[in-house]
Amino acid sequence: MSFYEKGAVRIRYEQHGSGFPLLMIAGGGLNSSIATLTGLSPFHPINELKDEYRCIAFDLRNANGGESSGPLEIDRPWDAYTDDMLGLMDHLQFDKFIVLGFCIGGPFIWNLLRRAPDRIVAAVLAQPSGSRPEKRDLFYENNMKGWAPALTARRPDLTMEAAEKFLTRMYRTDADFVFTVKREFVKSCQTPVLILPDDVPAHPYAVAMECAMLAPKAEVSMFPWKEPKERIPLAVRQIRSFLRAHRPAFPLG
């Protein structure tokens, strides 16, 4: 266990394995952490990929159950989290890397691709989150119940009023598609992406497939890929094949 610190931000992270760097973003929404990466994911991504990659896992800033902390940047919630991820990779001196994300990792990956297109050589979006027209407030409501109260209870410097403003900016101000980018960006994105769709309220199949259709270098898994469980190893093999096809030689010169 290690920590990356920048100003008032402190990010807990771990590294496993060796090879080309692979940043892993856990599911669990704003409670995304190393624990949810290994405990809630359909497969154990570190164990599956550490034989070929330097796997970097981390606790999201202010995740309940994690050890990362920092201010609530109300005016730029998505970009604040993205700053942490890019700053962590800078700290580890990885200029280029691959990223694999579950759930909230989907919107984060699109923002990483927007912010640092020359650094990310490929991305895997597993059961990505997205905004569905009939449930626009789903993430706002879930986090007002499942994230904000616990956070403010353990952080007296943060208030429910601040958390509400943060969540409003994050999930209600521009509650469309994948939250972080517009369709025009996905259509223009030249980074290879592999999308493994889900079909639950927080991971809408329609949004995942629209991304797969729009992105010019997108691939998509079979669906469903998590059920029956016997299909999961096949999905993992597809992830391995996709990453091998797009990773550069390592170490980079």
Protein backbone atom coordinates (compact mmCIF):
# COMPACT_ATOMS: atom_id res chain seq x y z
CA MET A 1 0.00 0.00 0.00
CA SER A 2 1.34 3.40 -1.01
CA PHE A 3 0.10 6.98 -1.22
CA TYR A 4 0.36 9.68 -3.88
CA GLU A 5 -0.06 13.19 -2.51
CA LYS A 6 -0.60 16.51 -4.25
CA GLY A 7 -1.68 19.51 -2.21
CA ALA A 8 -4.76 18.57 -0.21
CA VAL A 9 -5.27 15.34 -2.16
CA ARG A 10 -4.02 11.98 -0.89
CA ILE A 11 -4.59 8.88 -3.04
CA ARG A 12 -3.98 5.35 -1.82
CA TYR A 13 -2.79 2.94 -4.49
CA GLU A 14 -1.29 -0.50 -4.99
CA GLN A 15 0.81 -2.06 -7.76
CA HIS A 16 0.84 -5.71 -8.74
CA GLY A 17 2.68 -7.64 -11.43
CA SER A 18 5.03 -6.34 -14.09
CA GLY A 19 4.88 -5.23 -17.70
CA PHE A 20 3.09 -2.44 -19.53
CA PRO A 21 1.17 -0.24 -17.04
CA LEU A 22 -2.55 -0.93 -16.69
CA LEU A 23 -4.63 1.49 -14.61
CA MET A 24 -7.67 -0.22 -13.09
CA ILE A 25 -10.77 1.75 -12.08
CA ALA A 26 -13.07 -0.12 -9.72
CA GLY A 27 -16.84 -0.14 -9.80
CA GLY A 28 -18.95 0.90 -6.87
CA GLY A 29 -19.72 4.43 -8.01
CA LEU A 30 -18.22 7.13 -5.78
CA ASN A 31 -17.27 4.37 -3.34
CA SER A 32 -14.91 2.90 -5.96
CA SER A 33 -11.92 1.41 -4.16
CA ILE A 34 -9.34 -1.35 -4.25
CA ALA A 35 -11.73 -3.39 -2.11
CA THR A 36 -14.59 -3.04 -4.61
CA LEU A 37 -12.21 -3.83 -7.49
CA THR A 38 -11.35 -7.17 -5.96
CA GLY A 39 -14.66 -7.86 -4.24
CA LEU A 40 -17.45 -6.64 -6.53
CA SER A 41 -16.04 -7.11 -10.04
CA PRO A 42 -17.36 -10.04 -12.11
CA PHE A 43 -13.78 -11.36 -12.18
CA HIS A 44 -10.63 -10.52 -10.21
CA PRO A 45 -8.85 -8.23 -12.68
CA ILE A 46 -5.56 -8.06 -10.80
CA ASN A 47 -5.20 -11.82 -10.54
CA GLU A 48 -6.20 -12.27 -14.17
CA LEU A 49 -3.82 -9.69 -15.65
CA LYS A 50 -0.84 -9.21 -13.32
CA ASP A 51 1.13 -11.89 -15.16
CA GLU A 52 1.39 -9.58 -18.19
CA TYR A 53 0.85 -6.05 -16.85
CA ARG A 54 1.84 -3.70 -14.07
CA CYS A 55 -1.63 -3.36 -12.53
CA ILE A 56 -2.27 -0.10 -10.68
CA ALA A 57 -5.34 -0.05 -8.42
CA PHE A 58 -6.44 2.86 -6.24
CA ASP A 59 -9.12 4.19 -3.92
CA LEU A 60 -11.18 6.96 -5.48
CA ARG A 61 -10.92 10.28 -3.68
CA ASN A 62 -13.37 10.33 -0.73
CA ALA A 63 -14.69 6.82 -1.34
CA ASN A 64 -16.29 5.36 1.77
CA GLY A 65 -14.32 2.25 2.63
CA GLY A 66 -11.20 3.65 0.96
CA GLU A 67 -8.25 5.63 2.24
CA SER A 68 -8.03 8.41 -0.36
CA SER A 69 -9.11 11.91 0.55
CA GLY A 70 -9.35 15.42 -0.79
CA PRO A 71 -11.66 18.38 -1.24
CA LEU A 72 -14.99 18.29 -3.05
CA GLU A 73 -14.35 20.33 -6.19
CA ILE A 74 -17.96 21.29 -6.79
CA ASP A 75 -17.39 23.09 -10.09
CA ARG A 76 -15.42 20.25 -11.72
CA PRO A 77 -16.19 16.88 -10.12
CA TRP A 78 -15.33 14.61 -13.06
CA ASP A 79 -12.16 16.52 -13.90
CA ALA A 80 -11.01 16.51 -10.26
CA TYR A 81 -11.12 12.72 -10.19
CA THR A 82 -9.42 12.59 -13.58
CA ASP A 83 -6.67 14.86 -12.24
CA ASP A 84 -6.05 12.27 -9.52
CA MET A 85 -5.69 9.44 -12.03
CA LEU A 86 -3.38 11.32 -14.37
CA GLY A 87 -1.41 12.66 -11.41
CA LEU A 88 -0.97 9.14 -10.05
CA MET A 89 0.39 7.92 -13.39
CA ASP A 90 2.71 10.95 -13.50
CA HIS A 91 3.87 10.09 -9.98
CA LEU A 92 4.65 6.54 -11.10
CA GLN A 93 6.41 7.93 -14.21
CA PHE A 94 4.16 6.12 -16.66
CA ASP A 95 3.72 8.37 -19.67
CA LYS A 96 1.60 5.90 -21.64
CA PHE A 97 -0.74 3.30 -20.22
CA ILE A 98 -3.80 1.13 -20.73
CA VAL A 99 -6.94 1.61 -18.65
CA LEU A 100 -9.58 -0.91 -17.58
CA GLY A 101 -12.68 0.38 -15.81
CA PHE A 102 -15.85 -1.09 -14.35
CA CYS A 103 -19.13 0.77 -13.84
CA ILE A 104 -18.18 4.42 -13.10
CA GLY A 105 -14.93 3.60 -14.87
CA GLY A 106 -16.81 4.03 -18.15
CA PRO A 107 -17.42 7.79 -17.78
CA PHE A 108 -13.95 8.19 -16.26
CA ILE A 109 -12.34 6.46 -19.24
CA TRP A 110 -14.09 8.72 -21.74
CA ASN A 111 -12.87 11.73 -19.75
CA LEU A 112 -9.33 10.34 -19.64
CA LEU A 113 -9.46 9.87 -23.41
CA ARG A 114 -10.65 13.45 -23.81
CA ARG A 115 -8.02 14.86 -21.47
CA ALA A 116 -5.02 12.70 -22.41
CA PRO A 117 -5.60 11.04 -25.78
CA ASP A 118 -1.88 10.64 -26.47
CA ARG A 119 -1.21 8.80 -23.22
CA ILE A 120 -3.83 6.05 -23.31
CA VAL A 121 -3.09 3.38 -25.91
CA ALA A 122 -6.23 1.28 -25.34
CA ALA A 123 -9.17 1.06 -22.96
CA VAL A 124 -11.60 -1.59 -21.71
CA LEU A 125 -15.02 -0.46 -20.46
CA ALA A 126 -16.72 -3.25 -18.50
CA GLN A 127 -20.40 -2.83 -17.57
CA PRO A 128 -20.06 0.95 -18.08
CA SER A 129 -22.34 3.44 -16.38
CA GLY A 130 -24.52 5.71 -18.47
CA SER A 131 -27.50 8.01 -18.27
CA ARG A 132 -30.90 6.67 -19.29
CA PRO A 133 -33.65 9.17 -20.16
CA GLU A 134 -36.24 7.50 -17.93
CA LYS A 135 -33.90 7.51 -14.90
CA ARG A 136 -32.00 10.79 -15.14
CA ASP A 137 -31.65 11.19 -11.36
CA LEU A 138 -30.65 7.60 -10.58
CA PHE A 139 -27.01 8.34 -9.75
CA TYR A 140 -27.80 11.54 -7.88
CA GLU A 141 -30.35 9.77 -5.69
CA ASN A 142 -28.18 6.70 -5.11
CA ASN A 143 -25.21 8.80 -4.00
CA MET A 144 -27.30 11.09 -1.81
CA LYS A 145 -28.21 7.91 0.10
CA GLY A 146 -25.20 5.65 -0.29
CA TRP A 147 -22.23 8.02 -0.42
CA ALA A 148 -22.87 11.50 0.95
CA PRO A 149 -24.18 10.68 4.47
CA ALA A 150 -21.30 8.34 5.35
CA LEU A 151 -18.73 10.74 3.88
CA THR A 152 -19.96 13.79 5.79
CA ALA A 153 -20.28 11.74 8.99
CA ARG A 154 -16.56 10.91 8.95
CA ARG A 155 -15.41 14.22 7.47
CA PRO A 156 -16.60 17.16 9.60
CA ASP A 157 -15.04 19.56 7.09
CA LEU A 158 -17.58 18.45 4.47
CA THR A 159 -21.31 19.18 4.65
CA MET A 160 -24.36 17.57 3.10
CA GLU A 161 -25.02 20.88 1.38
CA ALA A 162 -21.61 20.72 -0.31
CA ALA A 163 -22.13 17.06 -1.21
CA GLU A 164 -25.52 17.88 -2.74
CA LYS A 165 -24.01 20.62 -4.89
CA PHE A 166 -21.19 18.30 -5.92
CA LEU A 167 -23.61 15.54 -6.97
CA THR A 168 -25.87 18.01 -8.75
CA ARG A 169 -22.96 19.23 -10.85
CA MET A 170 -21.72 15.70 -11.46
CA TYR A 171 -24.96 13.95 -12.33
CA ARG A 172 -27.72 16.49 -12.99
CA THR A 173 -26.20 19.50 -14.71
CA ASP A 174 -25.42 17.59 -17.91
CA ALA A 175 -27.12 14.25 -17.32
CA ASP A 176 -26.77 12.85 -20.80
CA PHE A 177 -25.19 9.82 -22.43
CA VAL A 178 -21.94 9.02 -20.52
CA PHE A 179 -21.86 12.24 -18.40
CA THR A 180 -18.30 13.26 -19.30
CA VAL A 181 -18.23 13.66 -23.08
CA LYS A 182 -20.60 14.26 -25.96
CA ARG A 183 -21.41 11.87 -28.77
CA GLU A 184 -19.30 13.93 -31.12
CA PHE A 185 -16.22 13.13 -29.06
CA VAL A 186 -16.91 9.39 -28.99
CA LYS A 187 -17.43 9.48 -32.75
CA SER A 188 -14.04 11.14 -33.24
CA CYS A 189 -12.08 9.09 -30.69
CA GLN A 190 -9.22 7.18 -32.33
CA THR A 191 -8.21 5.14 -29.29
CA PRO A 192 -9.07 1.42 -29.49
CA VAL A 193 -11.78 0.56 -26.95
CA LEU A 194 -13.34 -2.75 -25.96
CA ILE A 195 -16.82 -2.50 -24.47
CA LEU A 196 -18.44 -5.23 -22.37
CA PRO A 197 -22.09 -4.15 -21.97
CA ASP A 198 -24.40 -4.77 -19.05
CA ASP A 199 -28.15 -4.23 -18.78
CA VAL A 200 -29.14 -2.94 -15.34
CA PRO A 201 -30.43 0.54 -14.44
CA ALA A 202 -26.97 1.95 -13.67
CA HIS A 203 -25.28 0.22 -16.64
CA PRO A 204 -27.66 0.70 -19.57
CA TYR A 205 -27.14 -1.62 -22.52
CA ALA A 206 -28.36 1.02 -24.97
CA VAL A 207 -25.68 3.53 -23.95
CA ALA A 208 -22.89 0.93 -24.06
CA MET A 209 -23.92 -0.21 -27.52
CA GLU A 210 -24.32 3.35 -28.78
CA CYS A 211 -20.71 4.00 -27.73
CA ALA A 212 -19.61 0.83 -29.48
CA MET A 213 -21.39 1.91 -32.67
CA LEU A 214 -20.07 5.48 -32.56
CA ALA A 215 -16.41 4.92 -31.66
CA PRO A 216 -14.49 4.16 -34.88
CA LYS A 217 -12.05 1.75 -33.20
CA ALA A 218 -14.48 0.04 -30.84
CA GLU A 219 -14.93 -3.67 -30.29
CA VAL A 220 -17.71 -5.24 -28.29
CA SER A 221 -17.99 -8.47 -26.32
CA MET A 222 -20.71 -11.06 -26.50
CA PHE A 223 -23.81 -10.26 -24.47
CA PRO A 224 -24.54 -11.35 -21.86
CA TRP A 225 -20.96 -12.07 -20.86
CA LYS A 226 -21.39 -12.40 -17.07
CA GLU A 227 -24.17 -14.98 -17.09
CA PRO A 228 -23.99 -17.86 -17.01
CA LYS A 229 -20.71 -17.60 -15.08
CA GLU A 230 -19.11 -20.04 -17.48
CA ARG A 231 -18.97 -17.19 -20.01
CA ILE A 232 -16.74 -14.96 -17.86
CA PRO A 233 -13.47 -16.75 -18.76
CA LEU A 234 -14.29 -16.21 -22.43
CA ALA A 235 -14.74 -12.49 -21.80
CA VAL A 236 -11.42 -12.40 -19.95
CA ARG A 237 -9.73 -14.11 -22.91
CA GLN A 238 -11.17 -11.44 -25.21
CA ILE A 239 -9.80 -8.72 -22.92
CA ARG A 240 -6.36 -10.36 -23.01
CA SER A 241 -6.41 -10.64 -26.79
CA PHE A 242 -7.54 -7.04 -27.20
CA LEU A 243 -4.84 -5.70 -24.89
CA ARG A 244 -2.10 -7.78 -26.52
CA ALA A 245 -3.10 -6.45 -29.91
CA HIS A 246 -2.75 -2.83 -28.85
CA ARG A 247 -0.05 -2.61 -26.18
CA PRO A 248 3.34 -1.20 -27.20
CA ALA A 249 6.61 -2.87 -26.41
CA PHE A 250 7.71 -2.26 -22.82
CA PRO A 251 9.74 -0.57 -21.46
CA LEU A 252 9.26 2.43 -23.68
CA GLY A 253 12.37 4.18 -24.94
